[in-house]
Amino acid sequence: MNQKQVEEYCSTKKGAEIDYQEEWEAIRGRIHEKMFVLIGADNNGKKFVSLKCEPMLAEVYRKQYKNVVPGYYLNKTHWNSIYVEEGLVPGDVLKEMIDMSYDLVLKSLPKKVQAEYI
């Protein structure tokens, strides 16, 4: 998957709001004002996708795929950044990571708000 495909997949999530943050020069995906994906580039112009992740699983992904690194610009424990253009993370694994990020953010919302998206 490339960044555009990631953005398209994220936009299919119920309640997902995708917007461009000019000051960040990045695309942000949110659910109920909470970010679950950041699509941008590092200081060298290398494109990445950042996703929220369970801390223990974040480490597993980092060990398994060399282009999965601690969250760029974000909390290094709870976020992973994936250099997707290299194609080293299979599309189905990347979709699982997106799903997990969306679900983690959804679960952090109040129960009443969660019910709107289930």
C-alpha atoms as a PDB file:
ATOM      1  CA  MET A   1       0.000   0.000   0.000  1.00  0.00           C
ATOM      2  CA  ASN A   2       1.144   3.534  -0.708  1.00  0.00           C
ATOM      3  CA  GLN A   3       0.134   6.683   1.183  1.00  0.00           C
ATOM      4  CA  LYS A   4      -2.845   7.376  -1.093  1.00  0.00           C
ATOM      5  CA  GLN A   5      -4.175   3.851  -0.588  1.00  0.00           C
ATOM      6  CA  VAL A   6      -3.736   4.228   3.180  1.00  0.00           C
ATOM      7  CA  GLU A   7      -5.675   7.501   3.087  1.00  0.00           C
ATOM      8  CA  GLU A   8      -8.459   5.868   1.039  1.00  0.00           C
ATOM      9  CA  TYR A   9      -8.682   2.899   3.426  1.00  0.00           C
ATOM     10  CA  CYS A  10      -8.768   5.186   6.469  1.00  0.00           C
ATOM     11  CA  SER A  11     -11.582   7.217   4.918  1.00  0.00           C
ATOM     12  CA  THR A  12     -13.776   4.076   4.853  1.00  0.00           C
ATOM     13  CA  LYS A  13     -13.753   3.895   8.652  1.00  0.00           C
ATOM     14  CA  LYS A  14     -17.074   4.905  10.194  1.00  0.00           C
ATOM     15  CA  GLY A  15     -16.951   8.533  11.327  1.00  0.00           C
ATOM     16  CA  ALA A  16     -13.423   9.088   9.998  1.00  0.00           C
ATOM     17  CA  GLU A  17     -12.585  12.698   9.207  1.00  0.00           C
ATOM     18  CA  ILE A  18      -9.620  13.131   6.879  1.00  0.00           C
ATOM     19  CA  ASP A  19      -8.075  16.574   6.504  1.00  0.00           C
ATOM     20  CA  TYR A  20      -4.843  18.229   5.478  1.00  0.00           C
ATOM     21  CA  GLN A  21      -2.913  20.072   8.166  1.00  0.00           C
ATOM     22  CA  GLU A  22      -1.014  22.785   6.332  1.00  0.00           C
ATOM     23  CA  GLU A  23       1.184  23.679   9.311  1.00  0.00           C
ATOM     24  CA  TRP A  24       2.227  20.012   9.594  1.00  0.00           C
ATOM     25  CA  GLU A  25       2.322  19.418   5.827  1.00  0.00           C
ATOM     26  CA  ALA A  26       0.525  16.168   6.591  1.00  0.00           C
ATOM     27  CA  ILE A  27      -2.817  14.438   6.271  1.00  0.00           C
ATOM     28  CA  ARG A  28      -4.573  13.622   9.509  1.00  0.00           C
ATOM     29  CA  GLY A  29      -7.303  11.056  10.105  1.00  0.00           C
ATOM     30  CA  ARG A  30      -9.507  11.518  13.149  1.00  0.00           C
ATOM     31  CA  ILE A  31     -12.521  10.034  14.811  1.00  0.00           C
ATOM     32  CA  HIS A  32     -14.479  12.403  17.039  1.00  0.00           C
ATOM     33  CA  GLU A  33     -11.578  14.906  17.114  1.00  0.00           C
ATOM     34  CA  LYS A  34      -8.975  12.273  18.113  1.00  0.00           C
ATOM     35  CA  MET A  35      -6.238  11.363  15.652  1.00  0.00           C
ATOM     36  CA  PHE A  36      -5.750   7.743  14.568  1.00  0.00           C
ATOM     37  CA  VAL A  37      -3.484   8.275  11.539  1.00  0.00           C
ATOM     38  CA  LEU A  38      -0.912  10.814  10.374  1.00  0.00           C
ATOM     39  CA  ILE A  39       0.320  10.661   6.786  1.00  0.00           C
ATOM     40  CA  GLY A  40       3.353  12.815   6.075  1.00  0.00           C
ATOM     41  CA  ALA A  41       7.079  12.964   5.490  1.00  0.00           C
ATOM     42  CA  ASP A  42      10.118  13.186   7.744  1.00  0.00           C
ATOM     43  CA  ASN A  43      12.764  15.941   7.645  1.00  0.00           C
ATOM     44  CA  ASN A  44      14.452  14.181   4.716  1.00  0.00           C
ATOM     45  CA  GLY A  45      11.222  14.048   2.700  1.00  0.00           C
ATOM     46  CA  LYS A  46      10.823  10.309   3.238  1.00  0.00           C
ATOM     47  CA  LYS A  47       7.093   9.462   3.316  1.00  0.00           C
ATOM     48  CA  PHE A  48       5.582   7.703   6.316  1.00  0.00           C
ATOM     49  CA  VAL A  49       2.269   6.744   7.928  1.00  0.00           C
ATOM     50  CA  SER A  50       1.957   6.929  11.721  1.00  0.00           C
ATOM     51  CA  LEU A  51      -0.542   4.735  13.548  1.00  0.00           C
ATOM     52  CA  LYS A  52      -1.452   4.222  17.186  1.00  0.00           C
ATOM     53  CA  CYS A  53      -0.510   0.762  18.469  1.00  0.00           C
ATOM     54  CA  GLU A  54      -0.573  -1.336  21.626  1.00  0.00           C
ATOM     55  CA  PRO A  55       2.920  -0.817  23.141  1.00  0.00           C
ATOM     56  CA  MET A  56       3.880  -4.508  23.262  1.00  0.00           C
ATOM     57  CA  LEU A  57       2.705  -5.084  19.698  1.00  0.00           C
ATOM     58  CA  ALA A  58       4.437  -1.901  18.545  1.00  0.00           C
ATOM     59  CA  GLU A  59       7.750  -3.484  19.546  1.00  0.00           C
ATOM     60  CA  VAL A  60       6.892  -6.702  17.705  1.00  0.00           C
ATOM     61  CA  TYR A  61       6.196  -4.775  14.482  1.00  0.00           C
ATOM     62  CA  ARG A  62       9.447  -2.823  14.854  1.00  0.00           C
ATOM     63  CA  LYS A  63      11.446  -6.028  15.218  1.00  0.00           C
ATOM     64  CA  GLN A  64       9.634  -7.768  12.369  1.00  0.00           C
ATOM     65  CA  TYR A  65       9.820  -4.942   9.797  1.00  0.00           C
ATOM     66  CA  LYS A  66      12.839  -2.685   9.456  1.00  0.00           C
ATOM     67  CA  ASN A  67      10.739   0.175   8.039  1.00  0.00           C
ATOM     68  CA  VAL A  68       8.487   0.310  11.130  1.00  0.00           C
ATOM     69  CA  VAL A  69       9.992   2.733  13.627  1.00  0.00           C
ATOM     70  CA  PRO A  70       8.881   4.538  16.796  1.00  0.00           C
ATOM     71  CA  GLY A  71       6.345   7.274  16.031  1.00  0.00           C
ATOM     72  CA  TYR A  72       7.861  10.171  14.127  1.00  0.00           C
ATOM     73  CA  TYR A  73       6.714  13.441  15.802  1.00  0.00           C
ATOM     74  CA  LEU A  74       4.558  11.334  18.164  1.00  0.00           C
ATOM     75  CA  ASN A  75       4.721   9.339  21.398  1.00  0.00           C
ATOM     76  CA  LYS A  76       7.341   6.663  20.771  1.00  0.00           C
ATOM     77  CA  THR A  77       5.625   4.106  23.012  1.00  0.00           C
ATOM     78  CA  HIS A  78       2.104   4.279  21.586  1.00  0.00           C
ATOM     79  CA  TRP A  79       2.740   5.162  17.946  1.00  0.00           C
ATOM     80  CA  ASN A  80       4.599   3.519  15.074  1.00  0.00           C
ATOM     81  CA  SER A  81       5.655   5.206  11.854  1.00  0.00           C
ATOM     82  CA  ILE A  82       5.760   3.038   8.767  1.00  0.00           C
ATOM     83  CA  TYR A  83       7.711   3.972   5.658  1.00  0.00           C
ATOM     84  CA  VAL A  84       5.074   2.527   3.332  1.00  0.00           C
ATOM     85  CA  GLU A  85       6.634   3.504   0.011  1.00  0.00           C
ATOM     86  CA  GLU A  86       9.319   0.864   0.541  1.00  0.00           C
ATOM     87  CA  GLY A  87       6.607  -1.812   0.376  1.00  0.00           C
ATOM     88  CA  LEU A  88       8.153  -3.951   3.102  1.00  0.00           C
ATOM     89  CA  VAL A  89       4.994  -4.231   5.207  1.00  0.00           C
ATOM     90  CA  PRO A  90       2.362  -6.358   3.424  1.00  0.00           C
ATOM     91  CA  GLY A  91      -0.910  -4.588   2.649  1.00  0.00           C
ATOM     92  CA  ASP A  92      -2.960  -6.888   4.854  1.00  0.00           C
ATOM     93  CA  VAL A  93      -0.648  -6.239   7.816  1.00  0.00           C
ATOM     94  CA  LEU A  94      -0.844  -2.496   7.230  1.00  0.00           C
ATOM     95  CA  LYS A  95      -4.654  -2.705   7.152  1.00  0.00           C
ATOM     96  CA  GLU A  96      -4.553  -4.591  10.474  1.00  0.00           C
ATOM     97  CA  MET A  97      -2.389  -1.811  11.907  1.00  0.00           C
ATOM     98  CA  ILE A  98      -4.846   0.840  10.656  1.00  0.00           C
ATOM     99  CA  ASP A  99      -7.778  -1.114  12.115  1.00  0.00           C
ATOM    100  CA  MET A 100      -5.984  -1.383  15.459  1.00  0.00           C
ATOM    101  CA  SER A 101      -5.202   2.319  15.534  1.00  0.00           C
ATOM    102  CA  TYR A 102      -8.811   3.231  14.756  1.00  0.00           C
ATOM    103  CA  ASP A 103     -10.120   0.773  17.392  1.00  0.00           C
ATOM    104  CA  LEU A 104      -7.711   2.034  20.082  1.00  0.00           C
ATOM    105  CA  VAL A 105      -8.807   5.610  19.536  1.00  0.00           C
ATOM    106  CA  LEU A 106     -12.476   4.619  19.391  1.00  0.00           C
ATOM    107  CA  LYS A 107     -12.146   2.716  22.687  1.00  0.00           C
ATOM    108  CA  SER A 108     -10.620   5.790  24.329  1.00  0.00           C
ATOM    109  CA  LEU A 109     -13.796   7.789  23.678  1.00  0.00           C
ATOM    110  CA  PRO A 110     -16.690   7.920  26.156  1.00  0.00           C
ATOM    111  CA  LYS A 111     -19.091   4.965  25.864  1.00  0.00           C
ATOM    112  CA  LYS A 112     -21.907   7.206  24.630  1.00  0.00           C
ATOM    113  CA  VAL A 113     -19.698   8.507  21.816  1.00  0.00           C
ATOM    114  CA  GLN A 114     -18.437   5.000  20.981  1.00  0.00           C
ATOM    115  CA  ALA A 115     -22.023   3.882  20.477  1.00  0.00           C
ATOM    116  CA  GLU A 116     -22.384   6.406  17.639  1.00  0.00           C
ATOM    117  CA  TYR A 117     -19.682   4.621  15.650  1.00  0.00           C
ATOM    118  CA  ILE A 118     -20.504   0.979  16.310  1.00  0.00           C
END
